Amino acid sequence: MPSDEQPPQPLDPGEEAFVRALGRVLLALPRAVDADMVREAGLPLSEYTALMHLSEAPEKLMRMSELAAACNLSLSGMTRVVIRLEKQGWVQRAKCARDGRGWNAVLTGAGLARLEQAWPVHLSSVRRHLVDHFRGQDLTRLTAALRHVATSGPADHG
């Protein structure tokens, strides 16, 4: 640590409780939503999320690396998800027309229909496991704070 920096300050009990609770939520929430999705819609959260991002993309296609980033998966993990979706006829892979080097994932009509079928289960699960717990809170401010945390790079800390 450079001599002009202050030593780190310990977390107070409230801050410590917040950090620990957030850590538990980051693990528990995706598991809970995934379990609901598999049980009630027969569609794992990883597959639903890929279909969702593709449905929102221009021309319903995304470069595989961009889809992986949007889904918080490695490229190899995203490839495995897309292969499963391809086998169901919900996604197709196509060479990138721009440069011919990469691959795009393209949502099919059947994939969009499957997403629309699973959407109510996802909505219900996310409401039950997350949104309903924040009734009466300022979600706009909370969302802004979470976005700030998500976009802060290591150089921004200190």
N, C-alpha and C. Protein backbone atom coordinates (compact mmCIF):
# COMPACT_ATOMS: atom_id res chain seq x y z
N MET A 1 0.85 -1.17 0.00
CA MET A 1 0.00 0.00 0.00
C MET A 1 0.89 1.24 0.00
N PRO A 2 0.68 2.18 -0.95
CA PRO A 2 1.46 3.42 -0.96
C PRO A 2 1.27 4.17 0.35
N SER A 3 2.29 4.95 0.73
CA SER A 3 2.28 5.63 2.02
C SER A 3 1.18 6.69 2.15
N ASP A 4 0.65 7.20 1.02
CA ASP A 4 -0.37 8.25 1.10
C ASP A 4 -1.80 7.69 1.20
N GLU A 5 -1.98 6.38 1.12
CA GLU A 5 -3.31 5.78 1.22
C GLU A 5 -3.64 5.45 2.67
N GLN A 6 -4.92 5.59 2.99
CA GLN A 6 -5.40 5.26 4.32
C GLN A 6 -5.57 3.74 4.42
N PRO A 7 -5.32 3.17 5.61
CA PRO A 7 -5.56 1.73 5.76
C PRO A 7 -7.05 1.43 5.62
N PRO A 8 -7.39 0.24 5.16
CA PRO A 8 -8.81 -0.08 5.00
C PRO A 8 -9.53 -0.06 6.35
N GLN A 9 -10.75 0.43 6.31
CA GLN A 9 -11.57 0.50 7.52
C GLN A 9 -12.40 -0.77 7.64
N PRO A 10 -12.42 -1.39 8.81
CA PRO A 10 -13.26 -2.57 8.99
C PRO A 10 -14.74 -2.24 8.74
N LEU A 11 -15.47 -3.23 8.32
CA LEU A 11 -16.91 -3.05 8.12
C LEU A 11 -17.58 -2.96 9.49
N ASP A 12 -18.58 -2.07 9.58
CA ASP A 12 -19.35 -2.04 10.81
C ASP A 12 -20.33 -3.22 10.77
N PRO A 13 -20.99 -3.56 11.87
CA PRO A 13 -21.87 -4.74 11.87
C PRO A 13 -22.95 -4.71 10.80
N GLY A 14 -23.52 -3.53 10.54
CA GLY A 14 -24.54 -3.43 9.50
C GLY A 14 -23.98 -3.69 8.12
N GLU A 15 -22.81 -3.14 7.84
CA GLU A 15 -22.16 -3.36 6.54
C GLU A 15 -21.80 -4.84 6.37
N GLU A 16 -21.25 -5.43 7.43
CA GLU A 16 -20.88 -6.85 7.38
C GLU A 16 -22.10 -7.73 7.11
N ALA A 17 -23.20 -7.44 7.79
CA ALA A 17 -24.43 -8.22 7.59
C ALA A 17 -24.92 -8.07 6.15
N PHE A 18 -24.84 -6.84 5.62
CA PHE A 18 -25.27 -6.59 4.24
C PHE A 18 -24.43 -7.38 3.25
N VAL A 19 -23.12 -7.34 3.39
CA VAL A 19 -22.22 -8.04 2.47
C VAL A 19 -22.49 -9.55 2.51
N ARG A 20 -22.65 -10.09 3.70
CA ARG A 20 -22.91 -11.53 3.82
C ARG A 20 -24.27 -11.92 3.25
N ALA A 21 -25.29 -11.10 3.52
CA ALA A 21 -26.62 -11.40 2.98
C ALA A 21 -26.61 -11.33 1.46
N LEU A 22 -25.93 -10.33 0.90
CA LEU A 22 -25.86 -10.21 -0.55
C LEU A 22 -25.15 -11.43 -1.15
N GLY A 23 -24.09 -11.88 -0.52
CA GLY A 23 -23.39 -13.07 -1.00
C GLY A 23 -24.31 -14.29 -1.05
N ARG A 24 -25.14 -14.43 -0.02
CA ARG A 24 -26.09 -15.56 0.00
C ARG A 24 -27.12 -15.42 -1.12
N VAL A 25 -27.61 -14.19 -1.34
CA VAL A 25 -28.59 -13.96 -2.40
C VAL A 25 -28.00 -14.27 -3.77
N LEU A 26 -26.76 -13.87 -3.99
CA LEU A 26 -26.12 -14.11 -5.29
C LEU A 26 -26.03 -15.59 -5.62
N LEU A 27 -25.96 -16.42 -4.60
CA LEU A 27 -25.94 -17.87 -4.81
C LEU A 27 -27.35 -18.47 -4.83
N ALA A 28 -28.18 -18.05 -3.89
CA ALA A 28 -29.49 -18.68 -3.71
C ALA A 28 -30.51 -18.29 -4.76
N LEU A 29 -30.52 -17.04 -5.19
CA LEU A 29 -31.55 -16.58 -6.13
C LEU A 29 -31.52 -17.32 -7.46
N PRO A 30 -30.37 -17.40 -8.14
CA PRO A 30 -30.38 -18.15 -9.41
C PRO A 30 -30.77 -19.61 -9.23
N ARG A 31 -30.35 -20.22 -8.13
CA ARG A 31 -30.72 -21.63 -7.87
C ARG A 31 -32.22 -21.77 -7.70
N ALA A 32 -32.84 -20.85 -6.95
CA ALA A 32 -34.28 -20.92 -6.70
C ALA A 32 -35.06 -20.72 -8.00
N VAL A 33 -34.67 -19.72 -8.79
CA VAL A 33 -35.37 -19.46 -10.05
C VAL A 33 -35.15 -20.62 -11.02
N ASP A 34 -33.93 -21.15 -11.08
CA ASP A 34 -33.65 -22.29 -11.95
C ASP A 34 -34.51 -23.49 -11.55
N ALA A 35 -34.62 -23.76 -10.26
CA ALA A 35 -35.44 -24.90 -9.81
C ALA A 35 -36.89 -24.72 -10.23
N ASP A 36 -37.43 -23.51 -10.08
CA ASP A 36 -38.80 -23.25 -10.52
C ASP A 36 -38.94 -23.44 -12.02
N MET A 37 -37.97 -22.92 -12.77
CA MET A 37 -38.03 -23.01 -14.23
C MET A 37 -37.99 -24.46 -14.70
N VAL A 38 -37.11 -25.25 -14.12
CA VAL A 38 -37.01 -26.67 -14.51
C VAL A 38 -38.28 -27.41 -14.13
N ARG A 39 -38.75 -27.19 -12.90
CA ARG A 39 -39.92 -27.92 -12.40
C ARG A 39 -41.20 -27.53 -13.14
N GLU A 40 -41.40 -26.23 -13.34
CA GLU A 40 -42.69 -25.76 -13.86
C GLU A 40 -42.71 -25.51 -15.37
N ALA A 41 -41.55 -25.25 -15.96
CA ALA A 41 -41.51 -24.95 -17.39
C ALA A 41 -40.66 -25.93 -18.18
N GLY A 42 -39.91 -26.79 -17.47
CA GLY A 42 -39.05 -27.74 -18.17
C GLY A 42 -37.92 -27.08 -18.93
N LEU A 43 -37.51 -25.90 -18.46
CA LEU A 43 -36.49 -25.12 -19.16
C LEU A 43 -35.53 -24.53 -18.13
N PRO A 44 -34.26 -24.96 -18.14
CA PRO A 44 -33.30 -24.39 -17.18
C PRO A 44 -33.14 -22.88 -17.38
N LEU A 45 -32.80 -22.21 -16.30
CA LEU A 45 -32.62 -20.76 -16.34
C LEU A 45 -31.57 -20.35 -17.36
N SER A 46 -30.50 -21.11 -17.51
CA SER A 46 -29.45 -20.76 -18.48
C SER A 46 -30.01 -20.74 -19.91
N GLU A 47 -30.88 -21.65 -20.22
CA GLU A 47 -31.48 -21.70 -21.55
C GLU A 47 -32.51 -20.58 -21.73
N TYR A 48 -33.33 -20.36 -20.70
CA TYR A 48 -34.31 -19.28 -20.74
C TYR A 48 -33.60 -17.94 -20.96
N THR A 49 -32.53 -17.71 -20.22
CA THR A 49 -31.80 -16.45 -20.31
C THR A 49 -31.23 -16.24 -21.70
N ALA A 50 -30.69 -17.28 -22.30
CA ALA A 50 -30.17 -17.17 -23.67
C ALA A 50 -31.29 -16.82 -24.65
N LEU A 51 -32.42 -17.51 -24.54
CA LEU A 51 -33.56 -17.21 -25.41
C LEU A 51 -34.05 -15.77 -25.21
N MET A 52 -34.09 -15.33 -23.96
CA MET A 52 -34.53 -13.97 -23.64
C MET A 52 -33.63 -12.93 -24.31
N HIS A 53 -32.31 -13.09 -24.14
CA HIS A 53 -31.39 -12.11 -24.75
C HIS A 53 -31.49 -12.11 -26.27
N LEU A 54 -31.62 -13.28 -26.86
CA LEU A 54 -31.77 -13.35 -28.31
C LEU A 54 -33.07 -12.68 -28.76
N SER A 55 -34.14 -12.85 -27.99
CA SER A 55 -35.43 -12.26 -28.37
C SER A 55 -35.38 -10.73 -28.36
N GLU A 56 -34.48 -10.18 -27.54
CA GLU A 56 -34.36 -8.73 -27.41
C GLU A 56 -33.34 -8.12 -28.37
N ALA A 57 -32.55 -8.94 -29.02
CA ALA A 57 -31.48 -8.47 -29.91
C ALA A 57 -32.03 -8.10 -31.28
N PRO A 58 -31.38 -7.13 -31.94
CA PRO A 58 -31.77 -6.81 -33.32
C PRO A 58 -31.68 -8.06 -34.19
N GLU A 59 -32.69 -8.27 -34.99
CA GLU A 59 -32.78 -9.44 -35.88
C GLU A 59 -32.75 -10.76 -35.13
N LYS A 60 -32.95 -10.70 -33.80
CA LYS A 60 -32.98 -11.89 -32.94
C LYS A 60 -31.73 -12.74 -33.08
N LEU A 61 -30.59 -12.06 -33.23
CA LEU A 61 -29.31 -12.77 -33.31
C LEU A 61 -28.25 -12.03 -32.53
N MET A 62 -27.30 -12.79 -32.01
CA MET A 62 -26.16 -12.24 -31.29
C MET A 62 -24.94 -13.08 -31.59
N ARG A 63 -23.82 -12.42 -31.64
CA ARG A 63 -22.55 -13.14 -31.74
C ARG A 63 -22.42 -14.00 -30.48
N MET A 64 -21.89 -15.18 -30.62
CA MET A 64 -21.79 -16.11 -29.49
C MET A 64 -21.06 -15.48 -28.31
N SER A 65 -19.99 -14.75 -28.55
CA SER A 65 -19.24 -14.13 -27.45
C SER A 65 -20.07 -13.07 -26.74
N GLU A 66 -20.89 -12.32 -27.50
CA GLU A 66 -21.77 -11.31 -26.90
C GLU A 66 -22.87 -11.97 -26.08
N LEU A 67 -23.42 -13.05 -26.59
CA LEU A 67 -24.46 -13.78 -25.86
C LEU A 67 -23.89 -14.37 -24.58
N ALA A 68 -22.68 -14.90 -24.65
CA ALA A 68 -22.02 -15.43 -23.46
C ALA A 68 -21.86 -14.35 -22.41
N ALA A 69 -21.40 -13.17 -22.82
CA ALA A 69 -21.22 -12.07 -21.88
C ALA A 69 -22.56 -11.64 -21.28
N ALA A 70 -23.58 -11.55 -22.10
CA ALA A 70 -24.91 -11.15 -21.62
C ALA A 70 -25.47 -12.15 -20.61
N CYS A 71 -25.13 -13.42 -20.80
CA CYS A 71 -25.64 -14.49 -19.92
C CYS A 71 -24.69 -14.81 -18.77
N ASN A 72 -23.59 -14.07 -18.69
CA ASN A 72 -22.57 -14.30 -17.64
C ASN A 72 -22.03 -15.73 -17.68
N LEU A 73 -21.75 -16.21 -18.88
CA LEU A 73 -21.18 -17.54 -19.08
C LEU A 73 -19.89 -17.42 -19.87
N SER A 74 -19.04 -18.42 -19.74
CA SER A 74 -17.86 -18.50 -20.60
C SER A 74 -18.34 -18.83 -22.01
N LEU A 75 -17.48 -18.63 -22.99
CA LEU A 75 -17.84 -18.96 -24.36
C LEU A 75 -18.12 -20.45 -24.49
N SER A 76 -17.31 -21.28 -23.84
CA SER A 76 -17.55 -22.73 -23.92
C SER A 76 -18.86 -23.11 -23.23
N GLY A 77 -19.17 -22.47 -22.12
CA GLY A 77 -20.44 -22.73 -21.44
C GLY A 77 -21.62 -22.31 -22.30
N MET A 78 -21.48 -21.15 -22.95
CA MET A 78 -22.55 -20.67 -23.83
C MET A 78 -22.72 -21.60 -25.02
N THR A 79 -21.61 -22.11 -25.54
CA THR A 79 -21.68 -23.04 -26.67
C THR A 79 -22.48 -24.28 -26.28
N ARG A 80 -22.24 -24.80 -25.08
CA ARG A 80 -23.00 -25.97 -24.62
C ARG A 80 -24.49 -25.66 -24.52
N VAL A 81 -24.84 -24.48 -24.00
CA VAL A 81 -26.25 -24.09 -23.91
C VAL A 81 -26.85 -23.99 -25.30
N VAL A 82 -26.16 -23.33 -26.22
CA VAL A 82 -26.69 -23.14 -27.58
C VAL A 82 -26.83 -24.48 -28.30
N ILE A 83 -25.92 -25.40 -28.08
CA ILE A 83 -26.05 -26.73 -28.70
C ILE A 83 -27.33 -27.41 -28.21
N ARG A 84 -27.63 -27.29 -26.91
CA ARG A 84 -28.87 -27.87 -26.38
C ARG A 84 -30.09 -27.20 -27.01
N LEU A 85 -30.03 -25.87 -27.15
CA LEU A 85 -31.15 -25.14 -27.74
C LEU A 85 -31.30 -25.48 -29.23
N GLU A 86 -30.18 -25.68 -29.89
CA GLU A 86 -30.19 -26.05 -31.31
C GLU A 86 -30.86 -27.41 -31.51
N LYS A 87 -30.57 -28.35 -30.63
CA LYS A 87 -31.16 -29.68 -30.73
C LYS A 87 -32.68 -29.64 -30.59
N GLN A 88 -33.18 -28.64 -29.87
CA GLN A 88 -34.62 -28.47 -29.71
C GLN A 88 -35.25 -27.69 -30.86
N GLY A 89 -34.41 -27.12 -31.72
CA GLY A 89 -34.91 -26.31 -32.82
C GLY A 89 -35.24 -24.88 -32.42
N TRP A 90 -34.74 -24.43 -31.27
CA TRP A 90 -35.07 -23.10 -30.76
C TRP A 90 -34.04 -22.05 -31.16
N VAL A 91 -32.85 -22.50 -31.53
CA VAL A 91 -31.77 -21.61 -31.94
C VAL A 91 -31.04 -22.26 -33.10
N GLN A 92 -30.50 -21.42 -33.98
CA GLN A 92 -29.62 -21.89 -35.04
C GLN A 92 -28.31 -21.13 -34.90
N ARG A 93 -27.22 -21.78 -35.30
CA ARG A 93 -25.94 -21.07 -35.37
C ARG A 93 -25.63 -20.77 -36.82
N ALA A 94 -25.11 -19.57 -37.05
CA ALA A 94 -24.77 -19.14 -38.41
C ALA A 94 -23.48 -18.35 -38.35
N LYS A 95 -22.64 -18.51 -39.37
CA LYS A 95 -21.40 -17.73 -39.48
C LYS A 95 -21.75 -16.25 -39.49
N CYS A 96 -20.90 -15.46 -38.85
CA CYS A 96 -21.09 -14.00 -38.84
C CYS A 96 -20.89 -13.47 -40.25
N ALA A 97 -21.86 -12.74 -40.74
CA ALA A 97 -21.76 -12.18 -42.08
C ALA A 97 -20.72 -11.06 -42.14
N ARG A 98 -20.53 -10.34 -41.01
CA ARG A 98 -19.60 -9.20 -40.99
C ARG A 98 -18.17 -9.62 -41.27
N ASP A 99 -17.70 -10.65 -40.55
CA ASP A 99 -16.28 -10.99 -40.68
C ASP A 99 -16.03 -12.46 -41.04
N GLY A 100 -17.04 -13.28 -40.98
CA GLY A 100 -16.88 -14.68 -41.35
C GLY A 100 -16.07 -15.52 -40.38
N ARG A 101 -15.58 -14.91 -39.30
CA ARG A 101 -14.75 -15.65 -38.34
C ARG A 101 -15.58 -16.23 -37.20
N GLY A 102 -16.49 -15.43 -36.67
CA GLY A 102 -17.25 -15.86 -35.50
C GLY A 102 -18.58 -16.48 -35.88
N TRP A 103 -19.30 -16.87 -34.86
CA TRP A 103 -20.62 -17.47 -35.04
C TRP A 103 -21.67 -16.64 -34.34
N ASN A 104 -22.85 -16.60 -34.94
CA ASN A 104 -24.01 -15.98 -34.33
C ASN A 104 -24.95 -17.07 -33.85
N ALA A 105 -25.66 -16.79 -32.78
CA ALA A 105 -26.80 -17.60 -32.36
C ALA A 105 -28.04 -16.83 -32.83
N VAL A 106 -28.96 -17.53 -33.46
CA VAL A 106 -30.14 -16.91 -34.04
C VAL A 106 -31.38 -17.60 -33.45
N LEU A 107 -32.27 -16.80 -32.87
CA LEU A 107 -33.51 -17.33 -32.31
C LEU A 107 -34.46 -17.72 -33.43
N THR A 108 -35.03 -18.91 -33.34
CA THR A 108 -36.01 -19.35 -34.33
C THR A 108 -37.41 -18.99 -33.85
N GLY A 109 -38.38 -19.14 -34.73
CA GLY A 109 -39.78 -18.92 -34.35
C GLY A 109 -40.20 -19.86 -33.24
N ALA A 110 -39.74 -21.11 -33.33
CA ALA A 110 -40.06 -22.09 -32.28
C ALA A 110 -39.42 -21.69 -30.95
N GLY A 111 -38.22 -21.10 -31.02
CA GLY A 111 -37.55 -20.64 -29.82
C GLY A 111 -38.29 -19.49 -29.17
N LEU A 112 -38.79 -18.57 -29.98
CA LEU A 112 -39.57 -17.46 -29.45
C LEU A 112 -40.85 -17.97 -28.80
N ALA A 113 -41.49 -18.93 -29.45
CA ALA A 113 -42.71 -19.51 -28.88
C ALA A 113 -42.41 -20.20 -27.54
N ARG A 114 -41.28 -20.89 -27.46
CA ARG A 114 -40.90 -21.57 -26.21
C ARG A 114 -40.62 -20.55 -25.12
N LEU A 115 -39.96 -19.45 -25.46
CA LEU A 115 -39.70 -18.39 -24.50
C LEU A 115 -41.02 -17.81 -23.99
N GLU A 116 -41.94 -17.53 -24.88
CA GLU A 116 -43.23 -16.98 -24.48
C GLU A 116 -44.00 -17.94 -23.59
N GLN A 117 -43.85 -19.23 -23.83
CA GLN A 117 -44.52 -20.25 -23.01
C GLN A 117 -43.92 -20.27 -21.59
N ALA A 118 -42.60 -20.10 -21.48
CA ALA A 118 -41.93 -20.18 -20.18
C ALA A 118 -41.95 -18.86 -19.42
N TRP A 119 -42.21 -17.76 -20.10
CA TRP A 119 -42.14 -16.44 -19.47
C TRP A 119 -42.99 -16.30 -18.21
N PRO A 120 -44.25 -16.77 -18.18
CA PRO A 120 -45.03 -16.60 -16.95
C PRO A 120 -44.41 -17.30 -15.73
N VAL A 121 -43.77 -18.44 -15.94
CA VAL A 121 -43.11 -19.14 -14.84
C VAL A 121 -41.94 -18.31 -14.34
N HIS A 122 -41.15 -17.77 -15.26
CA HIS A 122 -40.00 -16.94 -14.87
C HIS A 122 -40.48 -15.70 -14.11
N LEU A 123 -41.49 -15.04 -14.64
CA LEU A 123 -42.03 -13.85 -14.00
C LEU A 123 -42.50 -14.15 -12.58
N SER A 124 -43.26 -15.19 -12.43
CA SER A 124 -43.77 -15.58 -11.11
C SER A 124 -42.63 -15.89 -10.14
N SER A 125 -41.64 -16.60 -10.61
CA SER A 125 -40.51 -16.98 -9.77
C SER A 125 -39.71 -15.76 -9.33
N VAL A 126 -39.41 -14.87 -10.27
CA VAL A 126 -38.63 -13.69 -9.95
C VAL A 126 -39.40 -12.78 -8.99
N ARG A 127 -40.69 -12.66 -9.20
CA ARG A 127 -41.50 -11.87 -8.25
C ARG A 127 -41.46 -12.49 -6.85
N ARG A 128 -41.70 -13.77 -6.77
CA ARG A 128 -41.78 -14.46 -5.48
C ARG A 128 -40.44 -14.44 -4.74
N HIS A 129 -39.36 -14.73 -5.45
CA HIS A 129 -38.06 -14.86 -4.81
C HIS A 129 -37.30 -13.54 -4.64
N LEU A 130 -37.71 -12.48 -5.37
CA LEU A 130 -36.94 -11.24 -5.29
C LEU A 130 -37.82 -10.00 -5.17
N VAL A 131 -38.56 -9.68 -6.18
CA VAL A 131 -39.23 -8.39 -6.27
C VAL A 131 -40.20 -8.16 -5.11
N ASP A 132 -40.97 -9.15 -4.75
CA ASP A 132 -41.95 -8.98 -3.67
C ASP A 132 -41.30 -8.63 -2.34
N HIS A 133 -40.04 -8.99 -2.15
CA HIS A 133 -39.33 -8.69 -0.91
C HIS A 133 -38.94 -7.22 -0.81
N PHE A 134 -39.09 -6.47 -1.90
CA PHE A 134 -38.68 -5.07 -1.93
C PHE A 134 -39.87 -4.12 -2.09
N ARG A 135 -41.07 -4.60 -1.76
CA ARG A 135 -42.25 -3.73 -1.83
C ARG A 135 -42.03 -2.51 -0.96
N GLY A 136 -42.38 -1.35 -1.49
CA GLY A 136 -42.25 -0.12 -0.74
C GLY A 136 -40.87 0.50 -0.77
N GLN A 137 -39.92 -0.18 -1.39
CA GLN A 137 -38.55 0.36 -1.50
C GLN A 137 -38.42 1.18 -2.77
N ASP A 138 -37.45 2.05 -2.81
CA ASP A 138 -37.18 2.85 -3.99
C ASP A 138 -36.34 2.01 -4.96
N LEU A 139 -37.03 1.29 -5.84
CA LEU A 139 -36.33 0.40 -6.76
C LEU A 139 -35.48 1.15 -7.77
N THR A 140 -35.84 2.38 -8.10
CA THR A 140 -35.03 3.17 -9.03
C THR A 140 -33.65 3.43 -8.43
N ARG A 141 -33.60 3.83 -7.18
CA ARG A 141 -32.31 4.10 -6.53
C ARG A 141 -31.54 2.80 -6.32
N LEU A 142 -32.23 1.76 -5.92
CA LEU A 142 -31.56 0.47 -5.72
C LEU A 142 -30.98 -0.04 -7.03
N THR A 143 -31.73 0.07 -8.10
CA THR A 143 -31.25 -0.35 -9.42
C THR A 143 -30.02 0.46 -9.84
N ALA A 144 -30.06 1.76 -9.60
CA ALA A 144 -28.90 2.60 -9.95
C ALA A 144 -27.67 2.18 -9.15
N ALA A 145 -27.85 1.89 -7.87
CA ALA A 145 -26.72 1.45 -7.04
C ALA A 145 -26.17 0.12 -7.52
N LEU A 146 -27.05 -0.82 -7.85
CA LEU A 146 -26.59 -2.12 -8.34
C LEU A 146 -25.87 -1.99 -9.68
N ARG A 147 -26.39 -1.14 -10.55
CA ARG A 147 -25.71 -0.92 -11.85
C ARG A 147 -24.34 -0.33 -11.63
N HIS A 148 -24.22 0.58 -10.68
CA HIS A 148 -22.93 1.19 -10.39
C HIS A 148 -21.94 0.13 -9.90
N VAL A 149 -22.39 -0.74 -9.02
CA VAL A 149 -21.53 -1.81 -8.51
C VAL A 149 -21.10 -2.71 -9.67
N ALA A 150 -22.06 -3.06 -10.53
CA ALA A 150 -21.78 -3.99 -11.63
C ALA A 150 -20.81 -3.42 -12.66
N THR A 151 -20.80 -2.09 -12.81
CA THR A 151 -19.96 -1.49 -13.84
C THR A 151 -18.67 -0.90 -13.29
N SER A 152 -18.49 -0.93 -11.98
CA SER A 152 -17.25 -0.42 -11.40
C SER A 152 -16.13 -1.42 -11.65
N GLY A 153 -15.09 -0.95 -12.29
CA GLY A 153 -13.93 -1.81 -12.52
C GLY A 153 -13.01 -1.80 -11.33
N PRO A 154 -12.02 -2.70 -11.31
CA PRO A 154 -11.07 -2.74 -10.20
C PRO A 154 -10.36 -1.41 -9.98
N ALA A 155 -10.11 -0.65 -11.04
CA ALA A 155 -9.43 0.64 -10.90
C ALA A 155 -10.32 1.67 -10.23
N ASP A 156 -11.65 1.44 -10.23
CA ASP A 156 -12.57 2.41 -9.64
C ASP A 156 -12.68 2.25 -8.14
N HIS A 157 -12.12 1.19 -7.57
CA HIS A 157 -12.25 0.94 -6.14
C HIS A 157 -11.14 1.65 -5.40
N GLY A 158 -11.46 2.10 -4.21
CA GLY A 158 -10.39 2.69 -3.41
C GLY A 158 -10.81 3.87 -2.65
